[in-house]
Amino acid sequence: MYDSIQLSQAETALQKLDPVLGAVIELQKPIVRAPRSDYFFSLCRSIIGQQVSVAAASAIFARFESHTNLKPESVLYLDEGAGKEIGLSRQKLSYLRDLASHFVENPEIYAHLEKASDEEVIADLTKVKGIGVWTAQMFLMFTLLRLDVFAPDDVGLQTAMKRLYNWETLPPRKELEKFAERWQPYRTIACWHLWQSLNTTPQ
């Protein structure tokens, strides 16, 4: 988590660490985010956002929220007809139900994540059906506001980096991770600005 002073320091540091990204940061307003306390909200939103555009994810999530009020009990018993009406695939509906079952059984199941390491958060969340590393990384970036996370498999980040650095082809995953090391210890904030440069930010 960060405060406004730390954010300013991070953006100043990134401008020195990477002048190309720094020029983008200079053009964009400081990106200020508040931590989220509703973990069920965050994880549902990330699951719905898997492999669809930001616009589509927002529309589907709005219908999902309206239909269920984001209550785990309601999600657990959401039938396939309602899921189809909302715009959920059968697979995503099964993922959301599985997630809901964890919260119904134990509403405080993830209360410990705020104090867990990034690696522990990823390990715990990926035990849930339908939550992979990308979803866990989004949780770290947007819910817990961990400052040094990079998601090399995110298509938006790949597109932004390819455009910003004028790459003809996208480097392999390992090379992307190596490239992003220049932004440490503020890789999350670098990612926020890369997404913002496309004006498409997953949440």
N, C-alpha and C. Protein backbone atom coordinates (compact mmCIF):
# COMPACT_ATOMS: atom_id res chain seq x y z
N MET A 1 0.84 -1.18 0.00
CA MET A 1 0.00 0.00 0.00
C MET A 1 0.88 1.25 0.00
N TYR A 2 0.33 2.38 -0.43
CA TYR A 2 1.14 3.57 -0.54
C TYR A 2 0.33 4.78 -0.08
N ASP A 3 1.05 5.90 0.12
CA ASP A 3 0.37 7.17 0.35
C ASP A 3 0.77 8.11 -0.79
N SER A 4 0.21 9.31 -0.81
CA SER A 4 0.44 10.23 -1.92
C SER A 4 1.91 10.62 -2.05
N ILE A 5 2.61 10.73 -0.92
CA ILE A 5 4.03 11.07 -0.96
C ILE A 5 4.82 9.94 -1.60
N GLN A 6 4.51 8.71 -1.20
CA GLN A 6 5.21 7.57 -1.76
C GLN A 6 4.92 7.43 -3.25
N LEU A 7 3.69 7.72 -3.66
CA LEU A 7 3.33 7.67 -5.07
C LEU A 7 4.16 8.67 -5.87
N SER A 8 4.27 9.88 -5.36
CA SER A 8 5.06 10.91 -6.03
C SER A 8 6.52 10.50 -6.14
N GLN A 9 7.04 9.92 -5.06
CA GLN A 9 8.42 9.45 -5.07
C GLN A 9 8.60 8.33 -6.08
N ALA A 10 7.62 7.44 -6.16
CA ALA A 10 7.70 6.32 -7.09
C ALA A 10 7.69 6.81 -8.53
N GLU A 11 6.82 7.74 -8.84
CA GLU A 11 6.73 8.24 -10.22
C GLU A 11 7.99 9.02 -10.59
N THR A 12 8.54 9.76 -9.65
CA THR A 12 9.81 10.46 -9.90
C THR A 12 10.94 9.47 -10.14
N ALA A 13 10.98 8.41 -9.33
CA ALA A 13 12.00 7.37 -9.49
C ALA A 13 11.87 6.68 -10.84
N LEU A 14 10.65 6.37 -11.26
CA LEU A 14 10.43 5.71 -12.54
C LEU A 14 10.87 6.58 -13.71
N GLN A 15 10.69 7.87 -13.59
CA GLN A 15 11.12 8.77 -14.65
C GLN A 15 12.64 8.74 -14.82
N LYS A 16 13.36 8.53 -13.73
CA LYS A 16 14.81 8.43 -13.80
C LYS A 16 15.25 7.03 -14.25
N LEU A 17 14.53 6.01 -13.79
CA LEU A 17 14.88 4.64 -14.12
C LEU A 17 14.61 4.32 -15.59
N ASP A 18 13.58 4.95 -16.14
CA ASP A 18 13.18 4.66 -17.52
C ASP A 18 12.63 5.95 -18.15
N PRO A 19 13.50 6.74 -18.81
CA PRO A 19 13.05 8.01 -19.39
C PRO A 19 11.94 7.87 -20.42
N VAL A 20 11.89 6.74 -21.13
CA VAL A 20 10.82 6.54 -22.12
C VAL A 20 9.46 6.44 -21.42
N LEU A 21 9.39 5.60 -20.41
CA LEU A 21 8.17 5.52 -19.61
C LEU A 21 7.96 6.83 -18.86
N GLY A 22 9.06 7.45 -18.45
CA GLY A 22 8.98 8.70 -17.72
C GLY A 22 8.26 9.79 -18.49
N ALA A 23 8.43 9.81 -19.80
CA ALA A 23 7.74 10.79 -20.63
C ALA A 23 6.23 10.57 -20.60
N VAL A 24 5.83 9.31 -20.54
CA VAL A 24 4.40 8.99 -20.43
C VAL A 24 3.87 9.43 -19.07
N ILE A 25 4.63 9.14 -18.03
CA ILE A 25 4.22 9.52 -16.67
C ILE A 25 4.08 11.03 -16.57
N GLU A 26 4.97 11.76 -17.21
CA GLU A 26 4.93 13.22 -17.18
C GLU A 26 3.64 13.76 -17.80
N LEU A 27 3.16 13.08 -18.83
CA LEU A 27 1.95 13.52 -19.54
C LEU A 27 0.68 13.16 -18.78
N GLN A 28 0.74 12.09 -18.01
CA GLN A 28 -0.44 11.59 -17.31
C GLN A 28 -0.49 12.11 -15.87
N LYS A 29 -1.67 12.30 -15.38
CA LYS A 29 -1.82 12.72 -14.00
C LYS A 29 -1.38 11.58 -13.08
N PRO A 30 -0.96 11.92 -11.85
CA PRO A 30 -0.64 10.85 -10.88
C PRO A 30 -1.84 9.91 -10.73
N ILE A 31 -1.56 8.63 -10.71
CA ILE A 31 -2.63 7.64 -10.61
C ILE A 31 -2.83 7.28 -9.14
N VAL A 32 -3.94 7.71 -8.59
CA VAL A 32 -4.22 7.49 -7.18
C VAL A 32 -5.31 6.43 -7.04
N ARG A 33 -5.05 5.42 -6.26
CA ARG A 33 -6.02 4.36 -6.06
C ARG A 33 -6.18 4.11 -4.56
N ALA A 34 -7.37 3.69 -4.18
CA ALA A 34 -7.65 3.34 -2.79
C ALA A 34 -7.70 1.82 -2.67
N PRO A 35 -7.20 1.29 -1.57
CA PRO A 35 -7.28 -0.17 -1.39
C PRO A 35 -8.74 -0.61 -1.28
N ARG A 36 -9.01 -1.83 -1.68
CA ARG A 36 -10.36 -2.38 -1.59
C ARG A 36 -10.43 -3.35 -0.42
N SER A 37 -11.48 -3.25 0.33
CA SER A 37 -11.65 -4.15 1.47
C SER A 37 -12.58 -5.33 1.15
N ASP A 38 -13.35 -5.19 0.06
CA ASP A 38 -14.28 -6.25 -0.32
C ASP A 38 -13.57 -7.21 -1.28
N TYR A 39 -12.98 -8.25 -0.73
CA TYR A 39 -12.19 -9.18 -1.54
C TYR A 39 -13.08 -9.99 -2.49
N PHE A 40 -14.29 -10.28 -2.08
CA PHE A 40 -15.19 -11.03 -2.96
C PHE A 40 -15.49 -10.22 -4.21
N PHE A 41 -15.76 -8.95 -4.05
CA PHE A 41 -15.97 -8.02 -5.17
C PHE A 41 -14.78 -8.09 -6.12
N SER A 42 -13.59 -7.92 -5.58
CA SER A 42 -12.38 -7.86 -6.40
C SER A 42 -12.14 -9.14 -7.18
N LEU A 43 -12.31 -10.27 -6.51
CA LEU A 43 -12.03 -11.55 -7.16
C LEU A 43 -13.09 -11.88 -8.21
N CYS A 44 -14.35 -11.55 -7.94
CA CYS A 44 -15.39 -11.74 -8.95
C CYS A 44 -15.10 -10.88 -10.17
N ARG A 45 -14.72 -9.66 -9.92
CA ARG A 45 -14.44 -8.75 -11.04
C ARG A 45 -13.27 -9.25 -11.88
N SER A 46 -12.25 -9.76 -11.24
CA SER A 46 -11.09 -10.27 -11.97
C SER A 46 -11.44 -11.53 -12.77
N ILE A 47 -12.23 -12.41 -12.18
CA ILE A 47 -12.64 -13.62 -12.91
C ILE A 47 -13.46 -13.25 -14.14
N ILE A 48 -14.38 -12.32 -13.97
CA ILE A 48 -15.21 -11.88 -15.10
C ILE A 48 -14.34 -11.21 -16.17
N GLY A 49 -13.26 -10.56 -15.75
CA GLY A 49 -12.40 -9.85 -16.69
C GLY A 49 -11.42 -10.73 -17.45
N GLN A 50 -11.39 -12.01 -17.14
CA GLN A 50 -10.45 -12.91 -17.82
C GLN A 50 -10.80 -13.05 -19.30
N GLN A 51 -9.82 -12.76 -20.16
CA GLN A 51 -9.91 -13.02 -21.60
C GLN A 51 -11.06 -12.31 -22.30
N VAL A 52 -11.48 -11.17 -21.77
CA VAL A 52 -12.44 -10.32 -22.48
C VAL A 52 -11.95 -8.88 -22.41
N SER A 53 -12.48 -8.03 -23.25
CA SER A 53 -12.06 -6.64 -23.25
C SER A 53 -12.51 -5.95 -21.96
N VAL A 54 -11.88 -4.84 -21.65
CA VAL A 54 -12.25 -4.09 -20.45
C VAL A 54 -13.70 -3.64 -20.53
N ALA A 55 -14.12 -3.18 -21.71
CA ALA A 55 -15.50 -2.71 -21.88
C ALA A 55 -16.50 -3.84 -21.67
N ALA A 56 -16.21 -5.01 -22.25
CA ALA A 56 -17.12 -6.15 -22.10
C ALA A 56 -17.18 -6.59 -20.65
N ALA A 57 -16.01 -6.64 -19.99
CA ALA A 57 -15.97 -7.04 -18.58
C ALA A 57 -16.80 -6.10 -17.71
N SER A 58 -16.70 -4.80 -17.98
CA SER A 58 -17.46 -3.83 -17.19
C SER A 58 -18.96 -4.03 -17.35
N ALA A 59 -19.39 -4.29 -18.59
CA ALA A 59 -20.82 -4.48 -18.85
C ALA A 59 -21.33 -5.76 -18.18
N ILE A 60 -20.57 -6.83 -18.30
CA ILE A 60 -20.98 -8.10 -17.70
C ILE A 60 -21.00 -7.99 -16.18
N PHE A 61 -19.98 -7.33 -15.63
CA PHE A 61 -19.92 -7.20 -14.17
C PHE A 61 -21.09 -6.39 -13.65
N ALA A 62 -21.48 -5.34 -14.38
CA ALA A 62 -22.61 -4.52 -13.94
C ALA A 62 -23.89 -5.35 -13.87
N ARG A 63 -24.11 -6.21 -14.86
CA ARG A 63 -25.29 -7.09 -14.84
C ARG A 63 -25.18 -8.12 -13.72
N PHE A 64 -23.97 -8.64 -13.52
CA PHE A 64 -23.73 -9.62 -12.46
C PHE A 64 -24.00 -9.01 -11.10
N GLU A 65 -23.52 -7.80 -10.88
CA GLU A 65 -23.72 -7.12 -9.60
C GLU A 65 -25.20 -6.83 -9.37
N SER A 66 -25.89 -6.39 -10.42
CA SER A 66 -27.31 -6.08 -10.29
C SER A 66 -28.12 -7.34 -9.95
N HIS A 67 -27.73 -8.45 -10.53
CA HIS A 67 -28.49 -9.70 -10.35
C HIS A 67 -28.22 -10.35 -8.98
N THR A 68 -27.00 -10.23 -8.47
CA THR A 68 -26.61 -10.96 -7.26
C THR A 68 -26.39 -10.07 -6.04
N ASN A 69 -26.32 -8.75 -6.25
CA ASN A 69 -25.94 -7.83 -5.17
C ASN A 69 -24.59 -8.21 -4.56
N LEU A 70 -23.83 -8.97 -5.32
CA LEU A 70 -22.49 -9.43 -4.89
C LEU A 70 -22.52 -10.15 -3.54
N LYS A 71 -23.60 -10.89 -3.32
CA LYS A 71 -23.69 -11.71 -2.11
C LYS A 71 -23.25 -13.13 -2.46
N PRO A 72 -22.26 -13.68 -1.76
CA PRO A 72 -21.80 -15.03 -2.08
C PRO A 72 -22.91 -16.06 -2.15
N GLU A 73 -23.91 -15.94 -1.26
CA GLU A 73 -25.01 -16.90 -1.27
C GLU A 73 -25.80 -16.83 -2.57
N SER A 74 -25.99 -15.62 -3.09
CA SER A 74 -26.72 -15.46 -4.35
C SER A 74 -25.92 -16.00 -5.52
N VAL A 75 -24.61 -15.76 -5.49
CA VAL A 75 -23.75 -16.23 -6.58
C VAL A 75 -23.68 -17.76 -6.57
N LEU A 76 -23.63 -18.34 -5.39
CA LEU A 76 -23.52 -19.79 -5.26
C LEU A 76 -24.69 -20.51 -5.94
N TYR A 77 -25.86 -19.90 -5.88
CA TYR A 77 -27.06 -20.55 -6.42
C TYR A 77 -27.52 -19.93 -7.74
N LEU A 78 -26.62 -19.20 -8.40
CA LEU A 78 -26.94 -18.61 -9.70
C LEU A 78 -27.04 -19.73 -10.74
N ASP A 79 -28.19 -19.81 -11.43
CA ASP A 79 -28.36 -20.91 -12.39
C ASP A 79 -27.82 -20.53 -13.76
N GLU A 80 -27.72 -21.52 -14.62
CA GLU A 80 -27.10 -21.31 -15.93
C GLU A 80 -27.90 -20.35 -16.80
N GLY A 81 -29.23 -20.36 -16.65
CA GLY A 81 -30.06 -19.44 -17.42
C GLY A 81 -29.76 -17.99 -17.06
N ALA A 82 -29.67 -17.73 -15.78
CA ALA A 82 -29.35 -16.37 -15.33
C ALA A 82 -27.93 -16.00 -15.73
N GLY A 83 -27.03 -16.97 -15.61
CA GLY A 83 -25.65 -16.70 -16.00
C GLY A 83 -25.54 -16.34 -17.47
N LYS A 84 -26.28 -17.03 -18.31
CA LYS A 84 -26.27 -16.74 -19.75
C LYS A 84 -26.84 -15.36 -20.02
N GLU A 85 -27.91 -15.01 -19.29
CA GLU A 85 -28.51 -13.68 -19.44
C GLU A 85 -27.53 -12.58 -19.05
N ILE A 86 -26.75 -12.84 -18.02
CA ILE A 86 -25.74 -11.87 -17.56
C ILE A 86 -24.60 -11.75 -18.57
N GLY A 87 -24.31 -12.85 -19.27
CA GLY A 87 -23.22 -12.84 -20.24
C GLY A 87 -22.05 -13.70 -19.81
N LEU A 88 -22.29 -14.58 -18.83
CA LEU A 88 -21.24 -15.44 -18.31
C LEU A 88 -21.20 -16.76 -19.06
N SER A 89 -20.02 -17.21 -19.41
CA SER A 89 -19.88 -18.54 -19.98
C SER A 89 -20.14 -19.57 -18.88
N ARG A 90 -20.42 -20.79 -19.28
CA ARG A 90 -20.65 -21.84 -18.29
C ARG A 90 -19.42 -22.01 -17.40
N GLN A 91 -18.23 -21.90 -18.02
CA GLN A 91 -16.99 -22.07 -17.27
C GLN A 91 -16.81 -20.97 -16.23
N LYS A 92 -17.02 -19.72 -16.63
CA LYS A 92 -16.87 -18.62 -15.67
C LYS A 92 -17.90 -18.70 -14.56
N LEU A 93 -19.10 -19.11 -14.91
CA LEU A 93 -20.12 -19.28 -13.89
C LEU A 93 -19.68 -20.31 -12.85
N SER A 94 -19.06 -21.39 -13.32
CA SER A 94 -18.58 -22.42 -12.39
C SER A 94 -17.47 -21.87 -11.50
N TYR A 95 -16.62 -21.02 -12.07
CA TYR A 95 -15.55 -20.41 -11.28
C TYR A 95 -16.13 -19.51 -10.19
N LEU A 96 -17.11 -18.70 -10.57
CA LEU A 96 -17.71 -17.76 -9.62
C LEU A 96 -18.46 -18.50 -8.51
N ARG A 97 -19.12 -19.58 -8.87
CA ARG A 97 -19.80 -20.39 -7.85
C ARG A 97 -18.80 -21.00 -6.88
N ASP A 98 -17.68 -21.49 -7.42
CA ASP A 98 -16.67 -22.11 -6.57
C ASP A 98 -16.09 -21.07 -5.60
N LEU A 99 -15.82 -19.88 -6.13
CA LEU A 99 -15.32 -18.80 -5.27
C LEU A 99 -16.35 -18.48 -4.19
N ALA A 100 -17.61 -18.38 -4.59
CA ALA A 100 -18.67 -18.06 -3.63
C ALA A 100 -18.76 -19.10 -2.53
N SER A 101 -18.56 -20.37 -2.89
CA SER A 101 -18.64 -21.43 -1.89
C SER A 101 -17.60 -21.25 -0.79
N HIS A 102 -16.41 -20.77 -1.17
CA HIS A 102 -15.36 -20.51 -0.17
C HIS A 102 -15.80 -19.42 0.81
N PHE A 103 -16.44 -18.36 0.29
CA PHE A 103 -16.87 -17.26 1.15
C PHE A 103 -18.08 -17.63 1.99
N VAL A 104 -18.95 -18.49 1.45
CA VAL A 104 -20.10 -18.93 2.23
C VAL A 104 -19.63 -19.79 3.39
N GLU A 105 -18.67 -20.66 3.14
CA GLU A 105 -18.16 -21.54 4.19
C GLU A 105 -17.38 -20.77 5.24
N ASN A 106 -16.65 -19.74 4.79
CA ASN A 106 -15.82 -18.96 5.72
C ASN A 106 -15.66 -17.54 5.19
N PRO A 107 -16.51 -16.60 5.63
CA PRO A 107 -16.45 -15.23 5.12
C PRO A 107 -15.09 -14.55 5.33
N GLU A 108 -14.31 -15.03 6.30
CA GLU A 108 -13.01 -14.42 6.59
C GLU A 108 -11.85 -15.22 5.99
N ILE A 109 -12.16 -16.03 4.99
CA ILE A 109 -11.15 -16.94 4.45
C ILE A 109 -9.88 -16.25 3.97
N TYR A 110 -10.02 -15.03 3.46
CA TYR A 110 -8.85 -14.34 2.91
C TYR A 110 -8.45 -13.10 3.73
N ALA A 111 -8.95 -13.01 4.94
CA ALA A 111 -8.65 -11.85 5.77
C ALA A 111 -7.15 -11.72 6.04
N HIS A 112 -6.44 -12.84 5.97
CA HIS A 112 -5.00 -12.82 6.28
C HIS A 112 -4.15 -12.29 5.13
N LEU A 113 -4.73 -12.13 3.94
CA LEU A 113 -3.92 -11.81 2.76
C LEU A 113 -3.25 -10.44 2.84
N GLU A 114 -3.86 -9.52 3.57
CA GLU A 114 -3.29 -8.17 3.67
C GLU A 114 -1.87 -8.22 4.24
N LYS A 115 -1.61 -9.19 5.13
CA LYS A 115 -0.30 -9.27 5.77
C LYS A 115 0.59 -10.34 5.14
N ALA A 116 0.06 -11.05 4.15
CA ALA A 116 0.85 -12.11 3.51
C ALA A 116 1.78 -11.52 2.46
N SER A 117 2.83 -12.26 2.13
CA SER A 117 3.74 -11.83 1.07
C SER A 117 3.06 -11.98 -0.28
N ASP A 118 3.61 -11.34 -1.31
CA ASP A 118 3.04 -11.46 -2.64
C ASP A 118 2.97 -12.92 -3.07
N GLU A 119 4.03 -13.65 -2.81
CA GLU A 119 4.09 -15.07 -3.20
C GLU A 119 3.03 -15.88 -2.46
N GLU A 120 2.82 -15.57 -1.19
CA GLU A 120 1.81 -16.28 -0.39
C GLU A 120 0.40 -15.97 -0.90
N VAL A 121 0.17 -14.71 -1.28
CA VAL A 121 -1.13 -14.32 -1.81
C VAL A 121 -1.43 -15.11 -3.09
N ILE A 122 -0.46 -15.16 -3.98
CA ILE A 122 -0.64 -15.89 -5.24
C ILE A 122 -0.88 -17.37 -4.97
N ALA A 123 -0.11 -17.94 -4.06
CA ALA A 123 -0.26 -19.37 -3.74
C ALA A 123 -1.63 -19.67 -3.16
N ASP A 124 -2.13 -18.82 -2.27
CA ASP A 124 -3.43 -19.04 -1.65
C ASP A 124 -4.58 -18.89 -2.66
N LEU A 125 -4.52 -17.83 -3.46
CA LEU A 125 -5.62 -17.56 -4.37
C LEU A 125 -5.70 -18.57 -5.51
N THR A 126 -4.56 -19.02 -5.98
CA THR A 126 -4.58 -19.95 -7.12
C THR A 126 -5.03 -21.36 -6.73
N LYS A 127 -5.31 -21.57 -5.46
CA LYS A 127 -5.91 -22.84 -5.04
C LYS A 127 -7.39 -22.89 -5.42
N VAL A 128 -7.97 -21.73 -5.70
CA VAL A 128 -9.39 -21.65 -6.05
C VAL A 128 -9.56 -21.92 -7.54
N LYS A 129 -10.55 -22.73 -7.87
CA LYS A 129 -10.85 -23.03 -9.27
C LYS A 129 -11.10 -21.75 -10.05
N GLY A 130 -10.39 -21.59 -11.15
CA GLY A 130 -10.61 -20.43 -12.02
C GLY A 130 -9.76 -19.22 -11.69
N ILE A 131 -9.01 -19.27 -10.59
CA ILE A 131 -8.11 -18.16 -10.25
C ILE A 131 -6.68 -18.60 -10.58
N GLY A 132 -6.13 -17.96 -11.60
CA GLY A 132 -4.77 -18.24 -11.98
C GLY A 132 -3.83 -17.15 -11.52
N VAL A 133 -2.62 -17.19 -11.99
CA VAL A 133 -1.61 -16.22 -11.56
C VAL A 133 -2.01 -14.80 -11.96
N TRP A 134 -2.54 -14.64 -13.19
CA TRP A 134 -2.93 -13.30 -13.65
C TRP A 134 -3.97 -12.69 -12.71
N THR A 135 -4.99 -13.45 -12.37
CA THR A 135 -6.04 -12.94 -11.48
C THR A 135 -5.46 -12.57 -10.12
N ALA A 136 -4.56 -13.40 -9.61
CA ALA A 136 -3.92 -13.10 -8.33
C ALA A 136 -3.06 -11.84 -8.43
N GLN A 137 -2.40 -11.66 -9.56
CA GLN A 137 -1.60 -10.45 -9.75
C GLN A 137 -2.47 -9.21 -9.79
N MET A 138 -3.64 -9.30 -10.44
CA MET A 138 -4.56 -8.16 -10.46
C MET A 138 -5.03 -7.84 -9.05
N PHE A 139 -5.26 -8.87 -8.26
CA PHE A 139 -5.66 -8.68 -6.86
C PHE A 139 -4.57 -7.95 -6.09
N LEU A 140 -3.33 -8.34 -6.30
CA LEU A 140 -2.21 -7.67 -5.63
C LEU A 140 -2.12 -6.21 -6.05
N MET A 141 -2.31 -5.94 -7.34
CA MET A 141 -2.15 -4.57 -7.86
C MET A 141 -3.29 -3.64 -7.49
N PHE A 142 -4.53 -4.14 -7.58
CA PHE A 142 -5.68 -3.26 -7.48
C PHE A 142 -6.43 -3.35 -6.15
N THR A 143 -6.25 -4.45 -5.42
CA THR A 143 -6.95 -4.59 -4.15
C THR A 143 -6.01 -4.34 -2.97
N LEU A 144 -4.86 -5.00 -2.97
CA LEU A 144 -3.90 -4.82 -1.89
C LEU A 144 -2.92 -3.69 -2.15
N LEU A 145 -2.90 -3.18 -3.39
CA LEU A 145 -2.02 -2.07 -3.78
C LEU A 145 -0.55 -2.37 -3.47
N ARG A 146 -0.12 -3.56 -3.82
CA ARG A 146 1.30 -3.89 -3.70
C ARG A 146 2.05 -3.18 -4.82
N LEU A 147 3.15 -2.55 -4.49
CA LEU A 147 3.80 -1.62 -5.42
C LEU A 147 4.72 -2.27 -6.44
N ASP A 148 5.11 -3.51 -6.25
CA ASP A 148 6.14 -4.07 -7.12
C ASP A 148 5.68 -5.40 -7.75
N VAL A 149 4.62 -5.32 -8.53
CA VAL A 149 4.08 -6.50 -9.20
C VAL A 149 4.07 -6.26 -10.71
N PHE A 150 4.43 -7.27 -11.47
CA PHE A 150 4.39 -7.20 -12.93
C PHE A 150 3.63 -8.40 -13.45
N ALA A 151 2.77 -8.17 -14.44
CA ALA A 151 1.94 -9.25 -15.01
C ALA A 151 2.31 -9.43 -16.48
N PRO A 152 3.32 -10.24 -16.77
CA PRO A 152 3.82 -10.35 -18.14
C PRO A 152 2.83 -10.95 -19.13
N ASP A 153 1.81 -11.66 -18.64
CA ASP A 153 0.85 -12.30 -19.53
C ASP A 153 -0.34 -11.41 -19.86
N ASP A 154 -0.38 -10.21 -19.31
CA ASP A 154 -1.50 -9.31 -19.57
C ASP A 154 -1.37 -8.72 -20.96
N VAL A 155 -2.40 -8.92 -21.78
CA VAL A 155 -2.36 -8.47 -23.17
C VAL A 155 -2.26 -6.95 -23.27
N GLY A 156 -2.95 -6.25 -22.37
CA GLY A 156 -2.89 -4.79 -22.38
C GLY A 156 -1.48 -4.28 -22.13
N LEU A 157 -0.81 -4.86 -21.15
CA LEU A 157 0.57 -4.47 -20.87
C LEU A 157 1.47 -4.79 -22.05
N GLN A 158 1.28 -5.95 -22.63
CA GLN A 158 2.09 -6.34 -23.80
C GLN A 158 1.90 -5.33 -24.93
N THR A 159 0.66 -4.95 -25.19
CA THR A 159 0.37 -3.99 -26.25
C THR A 159 0.99 -2.63 -25.96
N ALA A 160 0.85 -2.17 -24.71
CA ALA A 160 1.39 -0.87 -24.33
C ALA A 160 2.92 -0.84 -24.44
N MET A 161 3.56 -1.91 -23.99
CA MET A 161 5.01 -1.96 -24.05
C MET A 161 5.51 -2.02 -25.49
N LYS A 162 4.85 -2.83 -26.29
CA LYS A 162 5.26 -2.94 -27.70
C LYS A 162 5.14 -1.60 -28.40
N ARG A 163 4.07 -0.88 -28.11
CA ARG A 163 3.85 0.43 -28.73
C ARG A 163 4.84 1.47 -28.20
N LEU A 164 5.00 1.51 -26.88
CA LEU A 164 5.84 2.54 -26.27
C LEU A 164 7.30 2.40 -26.68
N TYR A 165 7.78 1.17 -26.75
CA TYR A 165 9.21 0.96 -27.04
C TYR A 165 9.48 0.61 -28.50
N ASN A 166 8.43 0.75 -29.33
CA ASN A 166 8.57 0.56 -30.78
C ASN A 166 9.14 -0.81 -31.15
N TRP A 167 8.65 -1.83 -30.47
CA TRP A 167 9.10 -3.19 -30.79
C TRP A 167 8.32 -3.70 -32.00
N GLU A 168 9.01 -4.32 -32.93
CA GLU A 168 8.34 -4.90 -34.09
C GLU A 168 7.58 -6.17 -33.70
N THR A 169 8.17 -6.93 -32.82
CA THR A 169 7.52 -8.14 -32.31
C THR A 169 7.61 -8.16 -30.80
N LEU A 170 6.70 -8.86 -30.18
CA LEU A 170 6.69 -8.93 -28.73
C LEU A 170 7.74 -9.92 -28.24
N PRO A 171 8.61 -9.51 -27.32
CA PRO A 171 9.62 -10.43 -26.79
C PRO A 171 8.98 -11.58 -26.02
N PRO A 172 9.70 -12.67 -25.84
CA PRO A 172 9.19 -13.78 -25.02
C PRO A 172 8.92 -13.33 -23.58
N ARG A 173 8.14 -14.12 -22.88
CA ARG A 173 7.74 -13.79 -21.52
C ARG A 173 8.93 -13.49 -20.61
N LYS A 174 9.94 -14.34 -20.66
CA LYS A 174 11.12 -14.15 -19.81
C LYS A 174 11.80 -12.82 -20.08
N GLU A 175 11.83 -12.42 -21.34
CA GLU A 175 12.46 -11.15 -21.69
C GLU A 175 11.62 -9.98 -21.20
N LEU A 176 10.30 -10.12 -21.24
CA LEU A 176 9.44 -9.07 -20.71
C LEU A 176 9.68 -8.89 -19.21
N GLU A 177 9.78 -10.02 -18.50
CA GLU A 177 10.05 -9.96 -17.06
C GLU A 177 11.39 -9.30 -16.79
N LYS A 178 12.38 -9.65 -17.58
CA LYS A 178 13.72 -9.07 -17.41
C LYS A 178 13.68 -7.57 -17.70
N PHE A 179 12.95 -7.18 -18.73
CA PHE A 179 12.83 -5.76 -19.09
C PHE A 179 12.19 -4.97 -17.96
N ALA A 180 11.17 -5.56 -17.34
CA ALA A 180 10.42 -4.87 -16.29
C ALA A 180 11.22 -4.71 -15.01
N GLU A 181 12.32 -5.43 -14.88
CA GLU A 181 13.13 -5.30 -13.67
C GLU A 181 13.67 -3.89 -13.50
N ARG A 182 13.78 -3.13 -14.60
CA ARG A 182 14.27 -1.75 -14.50
C ARG A 182 13.33 -0.87 -13.69
N TRP A 183 12.08 -1.29 -13.55
CA TRP A 183 11.09 -0.49 -12.82
C TRP A 183 11.03 -0.82 -11.34
N GLN A 184 11.76 -1.81 -10.90
CA GLN A 184 11.74 -2.17 -9.48
C GLN A 184 12.25 -1.00 -8.63
N PRO A 185 11.67 -0.76 -7.47
CA PRO A 185 10.62 -1.53 -6.78
C PRO A 185 9.20 -0.98 -7.01
N TYR A 186 8.97 -0.43 -8.21
CA TYR A 186 7.67 0.20 -8.48
C TYR A 186 7.02 -0.34 -9.76
N ARG A 187 7.12 -1.64 -9.97
CA ARG A 187 6.60 -2.20 -11.21
C ARG A 187 5.08 -2.04 -11.33
N THR A 188 4.37 -2.10 -10.22
CA THR A 188 2.92 -1.91 -10.26
C THR A 188 2.56 -0.55 -10.83
N ILE A 189 3.21 0.49 -10.34
CA ILE A 189 2.90 1.85 -10.80
C ILE A 189 3.28 2.02 -12.26
N ALA A 190 4.38 1.38 -12.68
CA ALA A 190 4.73 1.39 -14.10
C ALA A 190 3.60 0.77 -14.92
N CYS A 191 3.06 -0.34 -14.43
CA CYS A 191 1.96 -1.01 -15.13
C CYS A 191 0.72 -0.13 -15.19
N TRP A 192 0.41 0.54 -14.09
CA TRP A 192 -0.75 1.43 -14.09
C TRP A 192 -0.63 2.47 -15.19
N HIS A 193 0.57 3.03 -15.35
CA HIS A 193 0.77 4.06 -16.37
C HIS A 193 0.76 3.46 -17.78
N LEU A 194 1.26 2.26 -17.93
CA LEU A 194 1.20 1.61 -19.23
C LEU A 194 -0.25 1.36 -19.64
N TRP A 195 -1.06 0.84 -18.71
CA TRP A 195 -2.48 0.64 -19.00
C TRP A 195 -3.15 1.97 -19.32
N GLN A 196 -2.83 2.98 -18.53
CA GLN A 196 -3.45 4.29 -18.72
C GLN A 196 -3.10 4.86 -20.09
N SER A 197 -1.91 4.54 -20.59
CA SER A 197 -1.50 5.04 -21.91
C SER A 197 -2.39 4.48 -23.01
N LEU A 198 -3.02 3.34 -22.74
CA LEU A 198 -3.99 2.76 -23.68
C LEU A 198 -5.41 3.13 -23.30
N ASN A 199 -5.55 3.72 -22.11
CA ASN A 199 -6.85 4.06 -21.54
C ASN A 199 -7.73 2.83 -21.36
N THR A 200 -7.09 1.69 -21.04
CA THR A 200 -7.83 0.46 -20.75
C THR A 200 -7.17 -0.19 -19.54
N THR A 201 -7.77 -0.06 -18.40
CA THR A 201 -7.18 -0.59 -17.18
C THR A 201 -8.03 -1.72 -16.60
N PRO A 202 -7.50 -2.95 -16.53
CA PRO A 202 -8.27 -4.02 -15.92
C PRO A 202 -8.42 -3.79 -14.42
N GLN A 203 -9.58 -4.16 -13.89
CA GLN A 203 -9.81 -3.99 -12.45
C GLN A 203 -10.55 -5.18 -11.88
